[in-house]
Amino acid sequence: MNTTTPNQSGRSVQSQKPERLRPAGGYRTTASSQTTTLIYDATYWFCEKFFDPHSRLADQMVMATRNGWQNIAEGSRFATTSPQTELRLLNTARASLEELLLDFEDYFFHRHLPQWARDSKQARVIRALAAQLRRDQSDQSDRSDQSASIPYCPRCGKLMPLRTAKTGQHTGRQFWGYTNYPNSKNPVEL
């Protein structure tokens, strides 16, 4: 889509705003987020029931699922501004969940408990239950999708990334930065 905008000297300049790559946010409705939420809940309850409350392994298992979910959420927020970062975070989420799987396998192995095969009746029942729970979610609203409110750069027309000030009087505050930073230095306040 082409638009005409004035540049710094006041002359009109033809700029081309890029089409959105993918909407940011919206991760709560994805199968990966919903599945990870179920895994987190089940892991939490499992650790609460079968581990000492102060167990390091229980902490690691719960944190692995929490980190997986957090990386899915954060990766989704980067969908429009940095697909590489989104992919990196989703791969980190996968690695966290694979670490959790190894912890569960170790738990069952060391206690001589049976492990279900991927296509076993028990595993199919659990997958069907998880699919049903995803369909039956009571809160279908997703307040994480703010893609409509991501501003375009007034200078170059590109989507502006959400950044956090690391130094200075505004340390920790978020702002809409410029894709072309440091050539453009006027942040948009939130």
N, C-alpha and C. Protein backbone atom coordinates (compact mmCIF):
# COMPACT_ATOMS: atom_id res chain seq x y z
N MET A 1 0.84 -1.16 0.00
CA MET A 1 0.00 0.00 0.00
C MET A 1 0.89 1.23 0.00
N ASN A 2 0.64 2.14 -0.91
CA ASN A 2 1.44 3.35 -1.04
C ASN A 2 0.74 4.50 -0.34
N THR A 3 1.50 5.31 0.35
CA THR A 3 0.97 6.51 0.99
C THR A 3 1.93 7.65 0.74
N THR A 4 1.42 8.86 0.84
CA THR A 4 2.26 10.03 0.70
C THR A 4 2.38 10.68 2.06
N THR A 5 3.62 10.87 2.52
CA THR A 5 3.86 11.50 3.81
C THR A 5 4.92 12.57 3.66
N PRO A 6 4.82 13.65 4.46
CA PRO A 6 5.86 14.67 4.39
C PRO A 6 7.12 14.19 5.10
N ASN A 7 8.29 14.51 4.52
CA ASN A 7 9.54 14.17 5.21
C ASN A 7 9.96 15.34 6.07
N GLN A 8 11.18 15.31 6.61
CA GLN A 8 11.63 16.36 7.54
C GLN A 8 11.68 17.73 6.89
N SER A 9 11.93 17.79 5.59
CA SER A 9 12.01 19.09 4.93
C SER A 9 10.64 19.62 4.53
N GLY A 10 9.58 18.82 4.74
CA GLY A 10 8.24 19.27 4.42
C GLY A 10 7.77 18.81 3.06
N ARG A 11 8.65 18.22 2.24
CA ARG A 11 8.24 17.74 0.92
C ARG A 11 7.52 16.41 1.06
N SER A 12 6.59 16.16 0.17
CA SER A 12 5.88 14.89 0.18
C SER A 12 6.77 13.80 -0.40
N VAL A 13 6.75 12.67 0.28
CA VAL A 13 7.56 11.54 -0.14
C VAL A 13 6.65 10.33 -0.26
N GLN A 14 6.80 9.59 -1.35
CA GLN A 14 6.02 8.38 -1.55
C GLN A 14 6.64 7.27 -0.70
N SER A 15 5.90 6.71 0.24
CA SER A 15 6.43 5.60 1.03
C SER A 15 5.52 4.39 0.85
N GLN A 16 6.10 3.25 0.98
CA GLN A 16 5.34 2.02 0.83
C GLN A 16 5.30 1.30 2.17
N LYS A 17 4.09 1.23 2.75
CA LYS A 17 3.95 0.50 4.02
C LYS A 17 3.86 -0.98 3.70
N PRO A 18 4.67 -1.78 4.36
CA PRO A 18 4.64 -3.21 4.08
C PRO A 18 3.36 -3.85 4.61
N GLU A 19 2.91 -4.89 3.93
CA GLU A 19 1.78 -5.65 4.44
C GLU A 19 2.25 -6.37 5.70
N ARG A 20 1.36 -6.62 6.62
CA ARG A 20 1.74 -7.32 7.84
C ARG A 20 2.19 -8.74 7.50
N LEU A 21 3.25 -9.16 8.15
CA LEU A 21 3.74 -10.51 7.94
C LEU A 21 2.77 -11.51 8.56
N ARG A 22 2.58 -11.41 9.84
CA ARG A 22 1.64 -12.22 10.61
C ARG A 22 1.23 -11.36 11.79
N PRO A 23 0.03 -11.57 12.30
CA PRO A 23 -0.33 -10.80 13.48
C PRO A 23 0.49 -11.23 14.69
N ALA A 24 0.83 -10.26 15.52
CA ALA A 24 1.54 -10.57 16.76
C ALA A 24 0.52 -11.01 17.80
N GLY A 25 0.98 -11.74 18.77
CA GLY A 25 0.09 -12.19 19.83
C GLY A 25 -0.81 -13.30 19.32
N GLY A 26 -1.94 -13.48 19.96
CA GLY A 26 -2.87 -14.51 19.54
C GLY A 26 -2.41 -15.91 19.91
N TYR A 27 -1.38 -16.01 20.72
CA TYR A 27 -0.79 -17.31 21.03
C TYR A 27 -1.69 -18.17 21.89
N ARG A 28 -2.60 -17.57 22.63
CA ARG A 28 -3.44 -18.36 23.54
C ARG A 28 -4.37 -19.32 22.79
N THR A 29 -4.65 -19.02 21.54
CA THR A 29 -5.53 -19.88 20.77
C THR A 29 -4.77 -20.93 19.96
N THR A 30 -3.45 -20.92 20.00
CA THR A 30 -2.68 -21.91 19.24
C THR A 30 -2.64 -23.23 19.99
N ALA A 31 -2.55 -24.31 19.22
CA ALA A 31 -2.48 -25.64 19.82
C ALA A 31 -1.24 -25.78 20.70
N SER A 32 -0.13 -25.17 20.27
CA SER A 32 1.11 -25.30 21.06
C SER A 32 0.96 -24.64 22.42
N SER A 33 0.35 -23.46 22.47
CA SER A 33 0.17 -22.77 23.74
C SER A 33 -0.81 -23.53 24.64
N GLN A 34 -1.91 -23.97 24.07
CA GLN A 34 -2.90 -24.69 24.86
C GLN A 34 -2.35 -26.01 25.38
N THR A 35 -1.61 -26.72 24.53
CA THR A 35 -1.01 -27.98 24.95
C THR A 35 0.02 -27.74 26.05
N THR A 36 0.84 -26.70 25.88
CA THR A 36 1.85 -26.39 26.89
C THR A 36 1.20 -26.00 28.21
N THR A 37 0.08 -25.32 28.15
CA THR A 37 -0.65 -24.97 29.38
C THR A 37 -1.12 -26.24 30.09
N LEU A 38 -1.65 -27.19 29.33
CA LEU A 38 -2.06 -28.47 29.93
C LEU A 38 -0.87 -29.22 30.51
N ILE A 39 0.26 -29.20 29.80
CA ILE A 39 1.47 -29.87 30.29
C ILE A 39 1.94 -29.21 31.58
N TYR A 40 1.88 -27.88 31.62
CA TYR A 40 2.29 -27.16 32.83
C TYR A 40 1.42 -27.57 34.02
N ASP A 41 0.10 -27.53 33.81
CA ASP A 41 -0.82 -27.88 34.90
C ASP A 41 -0.59 -29.31 35.38
N ALA A 42 -0.48 -30.24 34.44
CA ALA A 42 -0.28 -31.65 34.81
C ALA A 42 1.06 -31.85 35.52
N THR A 43 2.11 -31.18 35.04
CA THR A 43 3.42 -31.30 35.67
C THR A 43 3.39 -30.74 37.09
N TYR A 44 2.74 -29.59 37.25
CA TYR A 44 2.64 -28.97 38.57
C TYR A 44 1.95 -29.93 39.54
N TRP A 45 0.81 -30.47 39.11
CA TRP A 45 0.06 -31.38 39.99
C TRP A 45 0.85 -32.66 40.26
N PHE A 46 1.52 -33.18 39.24
CA PHE A 46 2.34 -34.39 39.41
C PHE A 46 3.43 -34.15 40.45
N CYS A 47 4.15 -33.05 40.29
CA CYS A 47 5.25 -32.74 41.23
C CYS A 47 4.73 -32.50 42.64
N GLU A 48 3.57 -31.85 42.73
CA GLU A 48 2.96 -31.59 44.04
C GLU A 48 2.60 -32.90 44.75
N LYS A 49 2.16 -33.88 43.97
CA LYS A 49 1.72 -35.15 44.56
C LYS A 49 2.88 -36.12 44.84
N PHE A 50 3.89 -36.17 43.97
CA PHE A 50 4.90 -37.23 44.06
C PHE A 50 6.29 -36.77 44.49
N PHE A 51 6.51 -35.49 44.68
CA PHE A 51 7.83 -35.01 45.06
C PHE A 51 7.77 -34.25 46.38
N ASP A 52 8.90 -34.21 47.04
CA ASP A 52 9.07 -33.35 48.21
C ASP A 52 8.87 -31.91 47.73
N PRO A 53 8.18 -31.08 48.50
CA PRO A 53 7.93 -29.69 48.07
C PRO A 53 9.21 -28.89 47.79
N HIS A 54 10.32 -29.30 48.40
CA HIS A 54 11.56 -28.55 48.22
C HIS A 54 12.52 -29.26 47.26
N SER A 55 12.01 -30.20 46.50
CA SER A 55 12.83 -30.99 45.58
C SER A 55 13.34 -30.13 44.43
N ARG A 56 14.62 -30.25 44.17
CA ARG A 56 15.24 -29.52 43.05
C ARG A 56 14.69 -30.02 41.72
N LEU A 57 14.49 -31.32 41.60
CA LEU A 57 13.97 -31.89 40.36
C LEU A 57 12.56 -31.38 40.08
N ALA A 58 11.72 -31.30 41.12
CA ALA A 58 10.37 -30.78 40.93
C ALA A 58 10.42 -29.34 40.45
N ASP A 59 11.29 -28.53 41.04
CA ASP A 59 11.45 -27.14 40.59
C ASP A 59 11.88 -27.08 39.13
N GLN A 60 12.84 -27.93 38.76
CA GLN A 60 13.33 -27.95 37.37
C GLN A 60 12.22 -28.33 36.40
N MET A 61 11.42 -29.31 36.78
CA MET A 61 10.35 -29.77 35.89
C MET A 61 9.29 -28.70 35.70
N VAL A 62 8.88 -28.07 36.79
CA VAL A 62 7.87 -27.02 36.70
C VAL A 62 8.42 -25.82 35.92
N MET A 63 9.67 -25.46 36.17
CA MET A 63 10.27 -24.33 35.45
C MET A 63 10.45 -24.64 33.97
N ALA A 64 10.73 -25.88 33.61
CA ALA A 64 10.87 -26.24 32.20
C ALA A 64 9.56 -26.00 31.45
N THR A 65 8.43 -26.39 32.07
CA THR A 65 7.15 -26.16 31.39
C THR A 65 6.79 -24.68 31.39
N ARG A 66 7.08 -23.99 32.47
CA ARG A 66 6.79 -22.56 32.52
C ARG A 66 7.62 -21.82 31.47
N ASN A 67 8.90 -22.16 31.36
CA ASN A 67 9.76 -21.52 30.36
C ASN A 67 9.28 -21.84 28.94
N GLY A 68 8.81 -23.07 28.73
CA GLY A 68 8.27 -23.41 27.42
C GLY A 68 7.10 -22.52 27.06
N TRP A 69 6.17 -22.37 27.99
CA TRP A 69 4.99 -21.53 27.74
C TRP A 69 5.39 -20.07 27.54
N GLN A 70 6.27 -19.57 28.38
CA GLN A 70 6.70 -18.17 28.28
C GLN A 70 7.39 -17.89 26.95
N ASN A 71 8.20 -18.83 26.47
CA ASN A 71 8.89 -18.64 25.20
C ASN A 71 7.92 -18.67 24.03
N ILE A 72 6.87 -19.47 24.11
CA ILE A 72 5.84 -19.47 23.07
C ILE A 72 5.14 -18.12 23.05
N ALA A 73 4.78 -17.61 24.23
CA ALA A 73 4.10 -16.32 24.32
C ALA A 73 5.00 -15.19 23.81
N GLU A 74 6.24 -15.16 24.26
CA GLU A 74 7.15 -14.10 23.85
C GLU A 74 7.47 -14.20 22.36
N GLY A 75 7.65 -15.42 21.86
CA GLY A 75 7.92 -15.60 20.44
C GLY A 75 6.78 -15.08 19.59
N SER A 76 5.56 -15.30 20.04
CA SER A 76 4.39 -14.82 19.31
C SER A 76 4.37 -13.30 19.22
N ARG A 77 4.81 -12.64 20.27
CA ARG A 77 4.83 -11.17 20.25
C ARG A 77 5.85 -10.62 19.25
N PHE A 78 6.85 -11.42 18.89
CA PHE A 78 7.86 -11.00 17.93
C PHE A 78 7.48 -11.36 16.49
N ALA A 79 6.30 -11.94 16.27
CA ALA A 79 5.93 -12.46 14.95
C ALA A 79 6.05 -11.41 13.84
N THR A 80 5.64 -10.18 14.09
CA THR A 80 5.65 -9.18 13.03
C THR A 80 6.96 -8.43 12.91
N THR A 81 7.70 -8.30 13.98
CA THR A 81 8.90 -7.47 13.92
C THR A 81 10.18 -8.25 13.75
N SER A 82 10.21 -9.50 14.19
CA SER A 82 11.45 -10.27 14.09
C SER A 82 11.15 -11.77 14.02
N PRO A 83 10.87 -12.27 12.81
CA PRO A 83 10.58 -13.70 12.67
C PRO A 83 11.74 -14.59 13.15
N GLN A 84 12.97 -14.10 13.03
CA GLN A 84 14.11 -14.90 13.49
C GLN A 84 14.06 -15.07 15.01
N THR A 85 13.73 -13.99 15.72
CA THR A 85 13.62 -14.07 17.18
C THR A 85 12.46 -14.97 17.56
N GLU A 86 11.36 -14.86 16.84
CA GLU A 86 10.21 -15.73 17.10
C GLU A 86 10.62 -17.20 16.97
N LEU A 87 11.30 -17.54 15.90
CA LEU A 87 11.73 -18.92 15.68
C LEU A 87 12.71 -19.38 16.75
N ARG A 88 13.63 -18.51 17.14
CA ARG A 88 14.60 -18.84 18.18
C ARG A 88 13.88 -19.14 19.51
N LEU A 89 12.89 -18.32 19.85
CA LEU A 89 12.16 -18.53 21.10
C LEU A 89 11.31 -19.80 21.05
N LEU A 90 10.71 -20.09 19.89
CA LEU A 90 9.92 -21.31 19.77
C LEU A 90 10.81 -22.55 19.86
N ASN A 91 12.01 -22.47 19.31
CA ASN A 91 12.96 -23.58 19.44
C ASN A 91 13.41 -23.76 20.89
N THR A 92 13.56 -22.65 21.60
CA THR A 92 13.91 -22.71 23.02
C THR A 92 12.77 -23.37 23.81
N ALA A 93 11.53 -23.03 23.45
CA ALA A 93 10.37 -23.66 24.11
C ALA A 93 10.38 -25.16 23.87
N ARG A 94 10.66 -25.55 22.64
CA ARG A 94 10.71 -26.99 22.33
C ARG A 94 11.79 -27.69 23.15
N ALA A 95 12.95 -27.05 23.26
CA ALA A 95 14.05 -27.64 24.03
C ALA A 95 13.67 -27.79 25.50
N SER A 96 12.97 -26.80 26.06
CA SER A 96 12.53 -26.88 27.46
C SER A 96 11.58 -28.06 27.67
N LEU A 97 10.66 -28.24 26.73
CA LEU A 97 9.70 -29.33 26.86
C LEU A 97 10.35 -30.70 26.64
N GLU A 98 11.37 -30.75 25.78
CA GLU A 98 12.11 -32.01 25.60
C GLU A 98 12.89 -32.36 26.87
N GLU A 99 13.42 -31.33 27.54
CA GLU A 99 14.10 -31.55 28.82
C GLU A 99 13.12 -32.11 29.85
N LEU A 100 11.91 -31.59 29.86
CA LEU A 100 10.88 -32.09 30.76
C LEU A 100 10.56 -33.56 30.46
N LEU A 101 10.44 -33.89 29.18
CA LEU A 101 10.17 -35.27 28.80
C LEU A 101 11.25 -36.21 29.33
N LEU A 102 12.50 -35.80 29.21
CA LEU A 102 13.61 -36.62 29.73
C LEU A 102 13.50 -36.79 31.25
N ASP A 103 13.10 -35.73 31.95
CA ASP A 103 12.92 -35.83 33.40
C ASP A 103 11.84 -36.84 33.76
N PHE A 104 10.72 -36.81 33.02
CA PHE A 104 9.65 -37.78 33.27
C PHE A 104 10.12 -39.20 32.96
N GLU A 105 10.83 -39.35 31.83
CA GLU A 105 11.34 -40.69 31.48
C GLU A 105 12.27 -41.22 32.56
N ASP A 106 13.15 -40.36 33.09
CA ASP A 106 14.04 -40.77 34.18
C ASP A 106 13.26 -41.18 35.42
N TYR A 107 12.24 -40.40 35.75
CA TYR A 107 11.43 -40.69 36.93
C TYR A 107 10.83 -42.10 36.82
N PHE A 108 10.21 -42.38 35.67
CA PHE A 108 9.58 -43.69 35.49
C PHE A 108 10.61 -44.82 35.42
N PHE A 109 11.72 -44.59 34.76
CA PHE A 109 12.76 -45.61 34.63
C PHE A 109 13.32 -46.00 35.99
N HIS A 110 13.68 -45.02 36.80
CA HIS A 110 14.30 -45.30 38.10
C HIS A 110 13.34 -45.92 39.10
N ARG A 111 12.06 -45.80 38.87
CA ARG A 111 11.07 -46.40 39.76
C ARG A 111 10.46 -47.67 39.15
N HIS A 112 11.02 -48.12 38.04
CA HIS A 112 10.58 -49.34 37.35
C HIS A 112 9.09 -49.28 37.02
N LEU A 113 8.64 -48.11 36.59
CA LEU A 113 7.25 -47.92 36.20
C LEU A 113 7.15 -48.03 34.67
N PRO A 114 6.02 -48.52 34.18
CA PRO A 114 5.88 -48.67 32.72
C PRO A 114 5.79 -47.30 32.04
N GLN A 115 6.36 -47.23 30.85
CA GLN A 115 6.23 -46.03 30.02
C GLN A 115 5.33 -46.37 28.85
N TRP A 116 4.37 -45.51 28.57
CA TRP A 116 3.44 -45.77 27.49
C TRP A 116 4.11 -45.55 26.14
N ALA A 117 3.80 -46.41 25.20
CA ALA A 117 4.23 -46.19 23.81
C ALA A 117 3.40 -45.04 23.24
N ARG A 118 3.95 -44.38 22.25
CA ARG A 118 3.28 -43.23 21.65
C ARG A 118 1.87 -43.57 21.15
N ASP A 119 1.70 -44.77 20.61
CA ASP A 119 0.41 -45.16 20.04
C ASP A 119 -0.39 -46.10 20.96
N SER A 120 0.00 -46.17 22.24
CA SER A 120 -0.73 -47.02 23.18
C SER A 120 -2.13 -46.46 23.44
N LYS A 121 -3.00 -47.33 23.94
CA LYS A 121 -4.37 -46.91 24.24
C LYS A 121 -4.38 -45.76 25.26
N GLN A 122 -3.54 -45.87 26.30
CA GLN A 122 -3.50 -44.83 27.33
C GLN A 122 -3.07 -43.48 26.74
N ALA A 123 -2.06 -43.50 25.88
CA ALA A 123 -1.57 -42.25 25.28
C ALA A 123 -2.64 -41.63 24.38
N ARG A 124 -3.36 -42.47 23.63
CA ARG A 124 -4.43 -41.95 22.76
C ARG A 124 -5.55 -41.33 23.59
N VAL A 125 -5.88 -41.95 24.72
CA VAL A 125 -6.92 -41.40 25.60
C VAL A 125 -6.51 -40.02 26.12
N ILE A 126 -5.25 -39.89 26.55
CA ILE A 126 -4.77 -38.61 27.07
C ILE A 126 -4.77 -37.55 25.97
N ARG A 127 -4.33 -37.91 24.76
CA ARG A 127 -4.33 -36.93 23.65
C ARG A 127 -5.75 -36.50 23.32
N ALA A 128 -6.70 -37.44 23.34
CA ALA A 128 -8.10 -37.09 23.07
C ALA A 128 -8.64 -36.17 24.16
N LEU A 129 -8.28 -36.45 25.40
CA LEU A 129 -8.70 -35.58 26.51
C LEU A 129 -8.13 -34.17 26.34
N ALA A 130 -6.86 -34.08 25.97
CA ALA A 130 -6.24 -32.77 25.77
C ALA A 130 -6.93 -32.01 24.63
N ALA A 131 -7.25 -32.71 23.55
CA ALA A 131 -7.94 -32.06 22.43
C ALA A 131 -9.31 -31.56 22.87
N GLN A 132 -10.02 -32.37 23.67
CA GLN A 132 -11.33 -31.96 24.17
C GLN A 132 -11.21 -30.73 25.08
N LEU A 133 -10.23 -30.71 25.95
CA LEU A 133 -10.04 -29.56 26.84
C LEU A 133 -9.74 -28.29 26.05
N ARG A 134 -8.97 -28.41 24.97
CA ARG A 134 -8.68 -27.23 24.14
C ARG A 134 -9.96 -26.70 23.50
N ARG A 135 -10.84 -27.61 23.07
CA ARG A 135 -12.09 -27.19 22.44
C ARG A 135 -13.04 -26.56 23.45
N ASP A 136 -12.99 -27.01 24.70
CA ASP A 136 -13.94 -26.57 25.72
C ASP A 136 -13.48 -25.38 26.55
N GLN A 137 -12.46 -24.70 26.13
CA GLN A 137 -11.98 -23.57 26.95
C GLN A 137 -13.10 -22.57 27.15
N SER A 138 -13.28 -22.14 28.38
CA SER A 138 -14.36 -21.21 28.67
C SER A 138 -14.00 -19.78 28.27
N ASP A 139 -12.74 -19.39 28.38
CA ASP A 139 -12.32 -18.02 28.04
C ASP A 139 -11.64 -18.03 26.68
N GLN A 140 -12.40 -17.72 25.64
CA GLN A 140 -11.85 -17.71 24.29
C GLN A 140 -11.28 -16.34 23.92
N SER A 141 -11.42 -15.36 24.80
CA SER A 141 -10.88 -14.04 24.50
C SER A 141 -9.36 -14.08 24.62
N ASP A 142 -8.71 -13.29 23.80
CA ASP A 142 -7.25 -13.24 23.82
C ASP A 142 -6.83 -11.78 23.80
N ARG A 143 -6.47 -11.29 24.96
CA ARG A 143 -6.10 -9.89 25.06
C ARG A 143 -4.64 -9.67 24.70
N SER A 144 -3.97 -10.72 24.25
CA SER A 144 -2.55 -10.57 23.92
C SER A 144 -2.33 -10.05 22.51
N ASP A 145 -3.33 -10.12 21.62
CA ASP A 145 -3.13 -9.71 20.24
C ASP A 145 -3.30 -8.21 20.12
N GLN A 146 -2.19 -7.52 20.05
CA GLN A 146 -2.21 -6.07 19.93
C GLN A 146 -1.70 -5.64 18.56
N SER A 147 -1.80 -6.54 17.55
CA SER A 147 -1.23 -6.25 16.25
C SER A 147 -1.84 -5.01 15.61
N ALA A 148 -3.11 -4.73 15.90
CA ALA A 148 -3.73 -3.56 15.30
C ALA A 148 -3.14 -2.27 15.88
N SER A 149 -2.54 -2.33 17.05
CA SER A 149 -2.01 -1.12 17.68
C SER A 149 -0.51 -0.94 17.48
N ILE A 150 0.14 -1.80 16.70
CA ILE A 150 1.57 -1.63 16.43
C ILE A 150 1.71 -0.49 15.43
N PRO A 151 2.40 0.59 15.82
CA PRO A 151 2.50 1.74 14.92
C PRO A 151 3.52 1.51 13.80
N TYR A 152 3.31 2.24 12.71
CA TYR A 152 4.26 2.27 11.61
C TYR A 152 5.21 3.44 11.82
N CYS A 153 6.44 3.28 11.40
CA CYS A 153 7.43 4.35 11.49
C CYS A 153 7.00 5.50 10.59
N PRO A 154 6.92 6.73 11.11
CA PRO A 154 6.52 7.86 10.28
C PRO A 154 7.57 8.22 9.23
N ARG A 155 8.79 7.71 9.40
CA ARG A 155 9.86 8.03 8.44
C ARG A 155 9.99 7.01 7.33
N CYS A 156 9.99 5.72 7.69
CA CYS A 156 10.23 4.69 6.67
C CYS A 156 9.01 3.82 6.38
N GLY A 157 7.98 3.88 7.21
CA GLY A 157 6.76 3.12 6.97
C GLY A 157 6.79 1.69 7.48
N LYS A 158 7.88 1.26 8.12
CA LYS A 158 7.97 -0.11 8.64
C LYS A 158 7.32 -0.20 10.01
N LEU A 159 6.93 -1.43 10.39
CA LEU A 159 6.39 -1.63 11.73
C LEU A 159 7.47 -1.33 12.76
N MET A 160 7.07 -0.73 13.87
CA MET A 160 8.03 -0.35 14.91
C MET A 160 8.10 -1.46 15.96
N PRO A 161 9.31 -1.90 16.33
CA PRO A 161 9.44 -2.94 17.36
C PRO A 161 9.25 -2.38 18.76
N LEU A 162 8.68 -3.19 19.65
CA LEU A 162 8.53 -2.82 21.05
C LEU A 162 9.87 -3.05 21.74
N ARG A 163 10.39 -2.02 22.38
CA ARG A 163 11.69 -2.11 23.03
C ARG A 163 11.56 -1.69 24.49
N THR A 164 12.60 -1.99 25.27
CA THR A 164 12.66 -1.60 26.68
C THR A 164 13.94 -0.82 26.91
N ALA A 165 13.81 0.36 27.52
CA ALA A 165 14.98 1.19 27.80
C ALA A 165 15.88 0.47 28.81
N LYS A 166 17.17 0.39 28.48
CA LYS A 166 18.11 -0.32 29.35
C LYS A 166 18.91 0.62 30.24
N THR A 167 19.02 1.87 29.86
CA THR A 167 19.79 2.83 30.66
C THR A 167 19.05 4.16 30.70
N GLY A 168 19.55 5.05 31.51
CA GLY A 168 18.99 6.40 31.58
C GLY A 168 17.82 6.51 32.52
N GLN A 169 17.17 7.67 32.47
CA GLN A 169 16.08 7.95 33.41
C GLN A 169 14.83 7.11 33.14
N HIS A 170 14.73 6.51 31.95
CA HIS A 170 13.56 5.70 31.62
C HIS A 170 13.85 4.20 31.65
N THR A 171 14.87 3.77 32.38
CA THR A 171 15.26 2.36 32.46
C THR A 171 14.05 1.50 32.82
N GLY A 172 13.85 0.43 32.03
CA GLY A 172 12.76 -0.49 32.30
C GLY A 172 11.45 -0.14 31.62
N ARG A 173 11.31 1.08 31.11
CA ARG A 173 10.07 1.49 30.44
C ARG A 173 10.06 0.99 29.01
N GLN A 174 8.89 0.58 28.54
CA GLN A 174 8.77 0.14 27.15
C GLN A 174 8.40 1.31 26.26
N PHE A 175 8.84 1.22 25.01
CA PHE A 175 8.52 2.24 24.02
C PHE A 175 8.57 1.61 22.64
N TRP A 176 7.92 2.27 21.67
CA TRP A 176 8.00 1.83 20.28
C TRP A 176 9.24 2.47 19.69
N GLY A 177 10.21 1.64 19.33
CA GLY A 177 11.45 2.14 18.75
C GLY A 177 11.37 2.14 17.24
N TYR A 178 12.48 2.46 16.61
CA TYR A 178 12.54 2.50 15.16
C TYR A 178 13.33 1.32 14.64
N THR A 179 12.86 0.75 13.54
CA THR A 179 13.58 -0.35 12.90
C THR A 179 14.94 0.13 12.45
N ASN A 180 15.03 1.40 12.06
CA ASN A 180 16.25 1.97 11.51
C ASN A 180 17.12 2.64 12.57
N TYR A 181 16.96 2.26 13.84
CA TYR A 181 17.78 2.82 14.91
C TYR A 181 19.23 2.45 14.66
N PRO A 182 20.19 3.31 14.88
CA PRO A 182 20.18 4.61 15.56
C PRO A 182 19.94 5.80 14.64
N ASN A 183 19.65 5.55 13.35
CA ASN A 183 19.42 6.68 12.45
C ASN A 183 18.15 7.44 12.81
N SER A 184 17.19 6.78 13.43
CA SER A 184 15.97 7.42 13.90
C SER A 184 15.94 7.27 15.41
N LYS A 185 15.83 8.37 16.14
CA LYS A 185 15.95 8.27 17.61
C LYS A 185 14.77 8.87 18.38
N ASN A 186 13.65 9.13 17.76
CA ASN A 186 12.53 9.71 18.48
C ASN A 186 11.52 8.62 18.81
N PRO A 187 11.56 8.07 20.04
CA PRO A 187 10.65 6.97 20.38
C PRO A 187 9.21 7.43 20.50
N VAL A 188 8.30 6.50 20.34
CA VAL A 188 6.88 6.76 20.52
C VAL A 188 6.52 6.24 21.91
N GLU A 189 5.97 7.10 22.74
CA GLU A 189 5.62 6.72 24.11
C GLU A 189 4.44 5.75 24.11
N LEU A 190 4.40 4.87 25.10
CA LEU A 190 3.27 3.94 25.26
C LEU A 190 2.19 4.60 26.07
